[in-house]
Amino acid sequence: MAENKTRATSASVSAFLSGIEDRQQRSDLKKVAAMMRRATGERPRMWGPAIVGYGSYHYRYDSGREGDFMITGYAPRKQAMAIYILPGFGRFANLMDKLGKFKTGKSCLYVKRLADVDEQVLERLIRDAVKYMREHYDTK
């Protein structure tokens, strides 16, 4: 069975963040990082070369595949910040309606600038998603 390509590493989160050229995005990500730190109580770790993650959980699929992944995290992308909301967005519809301007993937919230969203709603979304993960998965 194939291993998960995105794993926690010992790379420096500070060095990674310092390398983000877009000053506004770097500033926005520092605010998101503080939200995630408050929500998880965890220190950040690099997951692969370009994702900063907080905490971890163990998953096991019906197929037998299993592994570990972050509970929440973020990544700078060229077009927008990717904010990882691992439970997805369906159970958070009330918050999503109040959030502001964004796009979503399966578990990724894409925000161009933090000014485009309500920061209090974003922090609640992150906190509620972390709570869900801890209630439904074996977290570390």
N, C-alpha and C. Protein backbone atom coordinates (compact mmCIF):
# COMPACT_ATOMS: atom_id res chain seq x y z
N MET A 1 0.84 -1.17 0.00
CA MET A 1 0.00 0.00 0.00
C MET A 1 0.90 1.25 0.00
N ALA A 2 0.56 2.25 -0.78
CA ALA A 2 1.36 3.46 -0.88
C ALA A 2 1.31 4.26 0.41
N GLU A 3 2.45 4.89 0.73
CA GLU A 3 2.51 5.74 1.91
C GLU A 3 2.04 7.15 1.57
N ASN A 4 1.56 7.85 2.58
CA ASN A 4 1.15 9.23 2.41
C ASN A 4 2.39 10.06 2.09
N LYS A 5 2.35 10.83 1.01
CA LYS A 5 3.49 11.66 0.62
C LYS A 5 3.67 12.86 1.54
N THR A 6 2.59 13.36 2.11
CA THR A 6 2.67 14.53 2.98
C THR A 6 2.79 14.06 4.43
N ARG A 7 4.01 14.19 4.95
CA ARG A 7 4.29 13.76 6.32
C ARG A 7 4.97 14.89 7.08
N ALA A 8 4.87 14.84 8.39
CA ALA A 8 5.54 15.82 9.23
C ALA A 8 7.04 15.72 9.02
N THR A 9 7.71 16.86 9.00
CA THR A 9 9.16 16.90 8.83
C THR A 9 9.76 17.71 9.98
N SER A 10 11.06 17.78 10.00
CA SER A 10 11.75 18.58 11.02
C SER A 10 12.20 19.92 10.45
N ALA A 11 11.74 20.27 9.26
CA ALA A 11 12.11 21.55 8.64
C ALA A 11 11.60 22.71 9.49
N SER A 12 12.27 23.84 9.39
CA SER A 12 11.95 25.02 10.17
C SER A 12 10.73 25.76 9.63
N VAL A 13 9.72 25.90 10.48
CA VAL A 13 8.53 26.67 10.10
C VAL A 13 8.91 28.14 9.95
N SER A 14 9.73 28.66 10.85
CA SER A 14 10.15 30.07 10.79
C SER A 14 10.86 30.37 9.48
N ALA A 15 11.77 29.50 9.08
CA ALA A 15 12.50 29.71 7.83
C ALA A 15 11.53 29.66 6.65
N PHE A 16 10.59 28.75 6.69
CA PHE A 16 9.61 28.65 5.61
C PHE A 16 8.80 29.94 5.50
N LEU A 17 8.29 30.43 6.64
CA LEU A 17 7.49 31.65 6.63
C LEU A 17 8.32 32.86 6.19
N SER A 18 9.56 32.91 6.60
CA SER A 18 10.44 34.02 6.20
C SER A 18 10.66 34.05 4.70
N GLY A 19 10.54 32.90 4.05
CA GLY A 19 10.74 32.80 2.62
C GLY A 19 9.55 33.20 1.77
N ILE A 20 8.42 33.53 2.41
CA ILE A 20 7.24 33.96 1.66
C ILE A 20 7.46 35.41 1.22
N GLU A 21 7.53 35.61 -0.08
CA GLU A 21 7.88 36.92 -0.60
C GLU A 21 6.78 37.96 -0.46
N ASP A 22 5.53 37.56 -0.62
CA ASP A 22 4.41 38.49 -0.54
C ASP A 22 4.22 38.90 0.92
N ARG A 23 4.54 40.15 1.23
CA ARG A 23 4.50 40.63 2.62
C ARG A 23 3.11 40.54 3.23
N GLN A 24 2.08 40.86 2.44
CA GLN A 24 0.71 40.81 2.95
C GLN A 24 0.31 39.38 3.26
N GLN A 25 0.64 38.45 2.37
CA GLN A 25 0.32 37.06 2.62
C GLN A 25 1.07 36.54 3.85
N ARG A 26 2.33 36.92 3.98
CA ARG A 26 3.11 36.49 5.15
C ARG A 26 2.47 37.01 6.43
N SER A 27 2.04 38.25 6.44
CA SER A 27 1.38 38.84 7.60
C SER A 27 0.06 38.14 7.89
N ASP A 28 -0.72 37.90 6.85
CA ASP A 28 -2.01 37.20 7.01
C ASP A 28 -1.81 35.80 7.58
N LEU A 29 -0.80 35.10 7.06
CA LEU A 29 -0.56 33.73 7.53
C LEU A 29 -0.11 33.71 8.99
N LYS A 30 0.59 34.73 9.43
CA LYS A 30 0.98 34.79 10.84
C LYS A 30 -0.26 34.93 11.72
N LYS A 31 -1.26 35.66 11.26
CA LYS A 31 -2.52 35.78 12.01
C LYS A 31 -3.26 34.45 12.03
N VAL A 32 -3.30 33.77 10.88
CA VAL A 32 -3.94 32.45 10.80
C VAL A 32 -3.20 31.47 11.71
N ALA A 33 -1.87 31.55 11.72
CA ALA A 33 -1.06 30.68 12.58
C ALA A 33 -1.43 30.87 14.05
N ALA A 34 -1.63 32.11 14.46
CA ALA A 34 -2.01 32.39 15.85
C ALA A 34 -3.38 31.78 16.16
N MET A 35 -4.31 31.86 15.21
CA MET A 35 -5.63 31.26 15.39
C MET A 35 -5.50 29.75 15.58
N MET A 36 -4.68 29.13 14.76
CA MET A 36 -4.51 27.67 14.83
C MET A 36 -3.81 27.25 16.11
N ARG A 37 -2.87 28.06 16.55
CA ARG A 37 -2.17 27.75 17.80
C ARG A 37 -3.15 27.81 18.97
N ARG A 38 -4.02 28.84 18.98
CA ARG A 38 -5.03 28.94 20.04
C ARG A 38 -6.01 27.78 19.99
N ALA A 39 -6.41 27.39 18.79
CA ALA A 39 -7.40 26.32 18.63
C ALA A 39 -6.86 24.95 19.02
N THR A 40 -5.58 24.72 18.77
CA THR A 40 -5.01 23.39 19.00
C THR A 40 -4.16 23.29 20.26
N GLY A 41 -3.58 24.40 20.68
CA GLY A 41 -2.62 24.36 21.77
C GLY A 41 -1.31 23.71 21.35
N GLU A 42 -1.12 23.52 20.05
CA GLU A 42 0.05 22.84 19.51
C GLU A 42 1.00 23.81 18.83
N ARG A 43 2.26 23.42 18.79
CA ARG A 43 3.26 24.17 18.03
C ARG A 43 3.18 23.72 16.56
N PRO A 44 3.51 24.60 15.63
CA PRO A 44 3.44 24.23 14.22
C PRO A 44 4.58 23.32 13.80
N ARG A 45 4.30 22.51 12.79
CA ARG A 45 5.32 21.65 12.16
C ARG A 45 5.13 21.72 10.66
N MET A 46 6.20 21.55 9.94
CA MET A 46 6.11 21.47 8.49
C MET A 46 5.59 20.08 8.12
N TRP A 47 4.67 20.05 7.19
CA TRP A 47 4.15 18.81 6.62
C TRP A 47 4.50 18.87 5.14
N GLY A 48 5.48 18.08 4.76
CA GLY A 48 5.99 18.19 3.40
C GLY A 48 6.74 19.51 3.28
N PRO A 49 7.04 19.93 2.07
CA PRO A 49 7.84 21.14 1.89
C PRO A 49 7.09 22.47 1.98
N ALA A 50 5.75 22.45 1.96
CA ALA A 50 5.05 23.74 1.84
C ALA A 50 3.75 23.85 2.63
N ILE A 51 3.54 22.98 3.61
CA ILE A 51 2.33 23.05 4.44
C ILE A 51 2.76 23.15 5.90
N VAL A 52 2.15 24.08 6.62
CA VAL A 52 2.37 24.20 8.06
C VAL A 52 1.16 23.59 8.75
N GLY A 53 1.39 22.62 9.61
CA GLY A 53 0.29 21.92 10.26
C GLY A 53 0.38 21.96 11.77
N TYR A 54 -0.78 21.74 12.39
CA TYR A 54 -0.90 21.76 13.85
C TYR A 54 -1.54 20.47 14.31
N GLY A 55 -0.92 19.84 15.31
CA GLY A 55 -1.45 18.61 15.85
C GLY A 55 -1.41 17.50 14.81
N SER A 56 -1.91 16.34 15.19
CA SER A 56 -2.01 15.24 14.23
C SER A 56 -3.10 14.28 14.67
N TYR A 57 -3.58 13.53 13.71
CA TYR A 57 -4.58 12.52 13.99
C TYR A 57 -4.26 11.28 13.16
N HIS A 58 -4.77 10.17 13.62
CA HIS A 58 -4.57 8.91 12.91
C HIS A 58 -5.86 8.56 12.18
N TYR A 59 -5.74 8.24 10.91
CA TYR A 59 -6.91 7.84 10.13
C TYR A 59 -6.74 6.40 9.65
N ARG A 60 -7.87 5.77 9.44
CA ARG A 60 -7.89 4.40 8.89
C ARG A 60 -9.10 4.30 7.98
N TYR A 61 -8.86 4.04 6.71
CA TYR A 61 -9.95 3.89 5.75
C TYR A 61 -10.45 2.45 5.73
N ASP A 62 -11.65 2.24 5.22
CA ASP A 62 -12.21 0.90 5.07
C ASP A 62 -11.31 0.02 4.19
N SER A 63 -10.57 0.63 3.29
CA SER A 63 -9.67 -0.11 2.39
C SER A 63 -8.47 -0.70 3.12
N GLY A 64 -8.26 -0.23 4.37
CA GLY A 64 -7.10 -0.69 5.13
C GLY A 64 -5.97 0.32 5.16
N ARG A 65 -6.02 1.30 4.27
CA ARG A 65 -5.00 2.34 4.26
C ARG A 65 -5.13 3.16 5.54
N GLU A 66 -4.00 3.47 6.15
CA GLU A 66 -4.01 4.29 7.34
C GLU A 66 -2.76 5.14 7.41
N GLY A 67 -2.82 6.15 8.26
CA GLY A 67 -1.67 7.03 8.41
C GLY A 67 -1.97 8.14 9.37
N ASP A 68 -1.08 9.10 9.40
CA ASP A 68 -1.22 10.26 10.27
C ASP A 68 -1.21 11.52 9.42
N PHE A 69 -1.97 12.53 9.86
CA PHE A 69 -2.03 13.80 9.15
C PHE A 69 -2.30 14.89 10.17
N MET A 70 -2.08 16.12 9.77
CA MET A 70 -2.32 17.26 10.67
C MET A 70 -3.81 17.42 10.95
N ILE A 71 -4.14 18.04 12.07
CA ILE A 71 -5.53 18.33 12.42
C ILE A 71 -6.02 19.56 11.65
N THR A 72 -5.15 20.54 11.52
CA THR A 72 -5.44 21.74 10.75
C THR A 72 -4.11 22.32 10.29
N GLY A 73 -4.17 23.21 9.33
CA GLY A 73 -2.94 23.81 8.84
C GLY A 73 -3.22 24.81 7.74
N TYR A 74 -2.13 25.31 7.16
CA TYR A 74 -2.26 26.30 6.09
C TYR A 74 -1.06 26.18 5.15
N ALA A 75 -1.24 26.74 3.97
CA ALA A 75 -0.16 26.78 2.99
C ALA A 75 -0.32 28.02 2.12
N PRO A 76 0.77 28.71 1.88
CA PRO A 76 0.71 29.83 0.95
C PRO A 76 0.65 29.28 -0.47
N ARG A 77 -0.25 29.79 -1.25
CA ARG A 77 -0.34 29.41 -2.66
C ARG A 77 -0.27 30.71 -3.47
N LYS A 78 0.04 30.58 -4.72
CA LYS A 78 0.21 31.76 -5.57
C LYS A 78 -1.06 32.62 -5.61
N GLN A 79 -2.21 31.98 -5.78
CA GLN A 79 -3.46 32.72 -5.93
C GLN A 79 -4.14 33.06 -4.61
N ALA A 80 -3.90 32.24 -3.57
CA ALA A 80 -4.61 32.44 -2.30
C ALA A 80 -3.95 31.59 -1.21
N MET A 81 -4.29 31.89 0.03
CA MET A 81 -3.88 31.04 1.14
C MET A 81 -4.80 29.83 1.16
N ALA A 82 -4.23 28.67 1.40
CA ALA A 82 -5.03 27.46 1.58
C ALA A 82 -5.08 27.20 3.09
N ILE A 83 -6.28 27.15 3.62
CA ILE A 83 -6.48 26.88 5.04
C ILE A 83 -7.19 25.53 5.13
N TYR A 84 -6.57 24.58 5.82
CA TYR A 84 -7.07 23.21 5.84
C TYR A 84 -8.09 23.02 6.96
N ILE A 85 -9.33 22.77 6.54
CA ILE A 85 -10.45 22.47 7.44
C ILE A 85 -10.80 21.02 7.16
N LEU A 86 -10.13 20.10 7.86
CA LEU A 86 -10.17 18.68 7.51
C LEU A 86 -11.55 18.04 7.53
N PRO A 87 -12.49 18.45 8.39
CA PRO A 87 -13.80 17.81 8.32
C PRO A 87 -14.62 18.23 7.10
N GLY A 88 -14.13 19.18 6.32
CA GLY A 88 -14.91 19.72 5.21
C GLY A 88 -15.81 20.84 5.71
N PHE A 89 -16.75 21.27 4.89
CA PHE A 89 -17.50 22.48 5.20
C PHE A 89 -18.98 22.29 5.45
N GLY A 90 -19.55 21.14 5.09
CA GLY A 90 -20.98 20.91 5.21
C GLY A 90 -21.54 21.15 6.60
N ARG A 91 -20.86 20.68 7.62
CA ARG A 91 -21.36 20.82 8.99
C ARG A 91 -21.17 22.23 9.54
N PHE A 92 -20.50 23.09 8.78
CA PHE A 92 -20.24 24.46 9.23
C PHE A 92 -20.95 25.51 8.37
N ALA A 93 -22.06 25.13 7.78
CA ALA A 93 -22.77 26.02 6.84
C ALA A 93 -23.11 27.37 7.46
N ASN A 94 -23.50 27.37 8.74
CA ASN A 94 -23.86 28.63 9.37
C ASN A 94 -22.67 29.59 9.45
N LEU A 95 -21.48 29.06 9.67
CA LEU A 95 -20.28 29.90 9.70
C LEU A 95 -19.87 30.32 8.29
N MET A 96 -19.98 29.41 7.35
CA MET A 96 -19.58 29.71 5.97
C MET A 96 -20.42 30.85 5.40
N ASP A 97 -21.70 30.90 5.78
CA ASP A 97 -22.58 31.97 5.32
C ASP A 97 -22.14 33.34 5.81
N LYS A 98 -21.42 33.38 6.92
CA LYS A 98 -20.99 34.64 7.54
C LYS A 98 -19.53 34.98 7.26
N LEU A 99 -18.81 34.08 6.61
CA LEU A 99 -17.35 34.20 6.51
C LEU A 99 -16.88 35.35 5.62
N GLY A 100 -17.45 35.50 4.46
CA GLY A 100 -16.99 36.54 3.54
C GLY A 100 -16.65 35.95 2.19
N LYS A 101 -15.58 36.45 1.58
CA LYS A 101 -15.20 36.07 0.22
C LYS A 101 -14.14 34.97 0.26
N PHE A 102 -14.45 33.82 -0.33
CA PHE A 102 -13.57 32.66 -0.31
C PHE A 102 -14.00 31.68 -1.39
N LYS A 103 -13.16 30.67 -1.58
CA LYS A 103 -13.50 29.50 -2.41
C LYS A 103 -13.16 28.28 -1.58
N THR A 104 -13.74 27.14 -1.94
CA THR A 104 -13.42 25.91 -1.21
C THR A 104 -13.10 24.77 -2.16
N GLY A 105 -12.32 23.85 -1.65
CA GLY A 105 -12.11 22.54 -2.25
C GLY A 105 -12.73 21.56 -1.27
N LYS A 106 -12.34 20.31 -1.32
CA LYS A 106 -12.92 19.32 -0.41
C LYS A 106 -12.68 19.69 1.06
N SER A 107 -11.45 19.98 1.40
CA SER A 107 -11.11 20.37 2.78
C SER A 107 -10.26 21.62 2.83
N CYS A 108 -10.18 22.34 1.73
CA CYS A 108 -9.36 23.55 1.66
C CYS A 108 -10.23 24.79 1.51
N LEU A 109 -9.95 25.74 2.35
CA LEU A 109 -10.58 27.05 2.26
C LEU A 109 -9.55 27.97 1.62
N TYR A 110 -9.88 28.55 0.49
CA TYR A 110 -8.96 29.44 -0.21
C TYR A 110 -9.38 30.88 0.02
N VAL A 111 -8.48 31.66 0.60
CA VAL A 111 -8.73 33.06 0.92
C VAL A 111 -7.59 33.88 0.32
N LYS A 112 -7.95 34.85 -0.51
CA LYS A 112 -6.92 35.67 -1.15
C LYS A 112 -6.24 36.58 -0.13
N ARG A 113 -7.03 37.29 0.65
CA ARG A 113 -6.52 38.17 1.70
C ARG A 113 -7.39 38.00 2.94
N LEU A 114 -6.78 38.08 4.08
CA LEU A 114 -7.53 37.93 5.32
C LEU A 114 -8.59 39.03 5.44
N ALA A 115 -8.33 40.18 4.85
CA ALA A 115 -9.30 41.27 4.87
C ALA A 115 -10.60 40.91 4.15
N ASP A 116 -10.58 39.85 3.33
CA ASP A 116 -11.77 39.42 2.58
C ASP A 116 -12.75 38.63 3.44
N VAL A 117 -12.32 38.21 4.64
CA VAL A 117 -13.18 37.40 5.49
C VAL A 117 -13.29 38.01 6.88
N ASP A 118 -14.30 37.58 7.61
CA ASP A 118 -14.48 37.98 9.00
C ASP A 118 -13.53 37.12 9.84
N GLU A 119 -12.51 37.73 10.44
CA GLU A 119 -11.49 36.98 11.16
C GLU A 119 -12.06 36.22 12.36
N GLN A 120 -13.07 36.79 13.02
CA GLN A 120 -13.67 36.10 14.16
C GLN A 120 -14.41 34.84 13.70
N VAL A 121 -15.07 34.92 12.57
CA VAL A 121 -15.77 33.76 12.03
C VAL A 121 -14.75 32.70 11.59
N LEU A 122 -13.66 33.13 10.96
CA LEU A 122 -12.61 32.20 10.55
C LEU A 122 -12.03 31.49 11.77
N GLU A 123 -11.76 32.21 12.82
CA GLU A 123 -11.19 31.58 14.02
C GLU A 123 -12.18 30.58 14.62
N ARG A 124 -13.45 30.91 14.62
CA ARG A 124 -14.45 29.97 15.13
C ARG A 124 -14.53 28.73 14.25
N LEU A 125 -14.45 28.91 12.93
CA LEU A 125 -14.45 27.79 12.01
C LEU A 125 -13.27 26.86 12.30
N ILE A 126 -12.09 27.43 12.46
CA ILE A 126 -10.90 26.63 12.77
C ILE A 126 -11.09 25.91 14.09
N ARG A 127 -11.54 26.62 15.10
CA ARG A 127 -11.75 26.03 16.44
C ARG A 127 -12.77 24.89 16.40
N ASP A 128 -13.89 25.11 15.70
CA ASP A 128 -14.93 24.08 15.62
C ASP A 128 -14.44 22.87 14.82
N ALA A 129 -13.66 23.10 13.79
CA ALA A 129 -13.12 21.99 13.00
C ALA A 129 -12.13 21.16 13.82
N VAL A 130 -11.30 21.83 14.60
CA VAL A 130 -10.35 21.13 15.47
C VAL A 130 -11.11 20.31 16.51
N LYS A 131 -12.15 20.90 17.09
CA LYS A 131 -12.96 20.18 18.08
C LYS A 131 -13.57 18.93 17.45
N TYR A 132 -14.11 19.05 16.25
CA TYR A 132 -14.69 17.91 15.55
C TYR A 132 -13.64 16.82 15.35
N MET A 133 -12.46 17.20 14.90
CA MET A 133 -11.41 16.22 14.65
C MET A 133 -11.05 15.48 15.94
N ARG A 134 -10.95 16.21 17.03
CA ARG A 134 -10.59 15.59 18.30
C ARG A 134 -11.69 14.68 18.83
N GLU A 135 -12.93 14.98 18.52
CA GLU A 135 -14.04 14.15 18.97
C GLU A 135 -14.21 12.89 18.11
N HIS A 136 -13.74 12.91 16.87
CA HIS A 136 -13.99 11.81 15.95
C HIS A 136 -12.77 11.00 15.53
N TYR A 137 -11.59 11.43 15.92
CA TYR A 137 -10.37 10.73 15.50
C TYR A 137 -9.43 10.58 16.68
N ASP A 138 -8.51 9.65 16.54
CA ASP A 138 -7.44 9.44 17.52
C ASP A 138 -6.40 10.54 17.27
N THR A 139 -6.43 11.56 18.10
CA THR A 139 -5.51 12.69 17.91
C THR A 139 -4.34 12.58 18.88
N LYS A 140 -3.26 13.20 18.46
CA LYS A 140 -2.04 13.21 19.28
C LYS A 140 -1.72 14.60 19.73
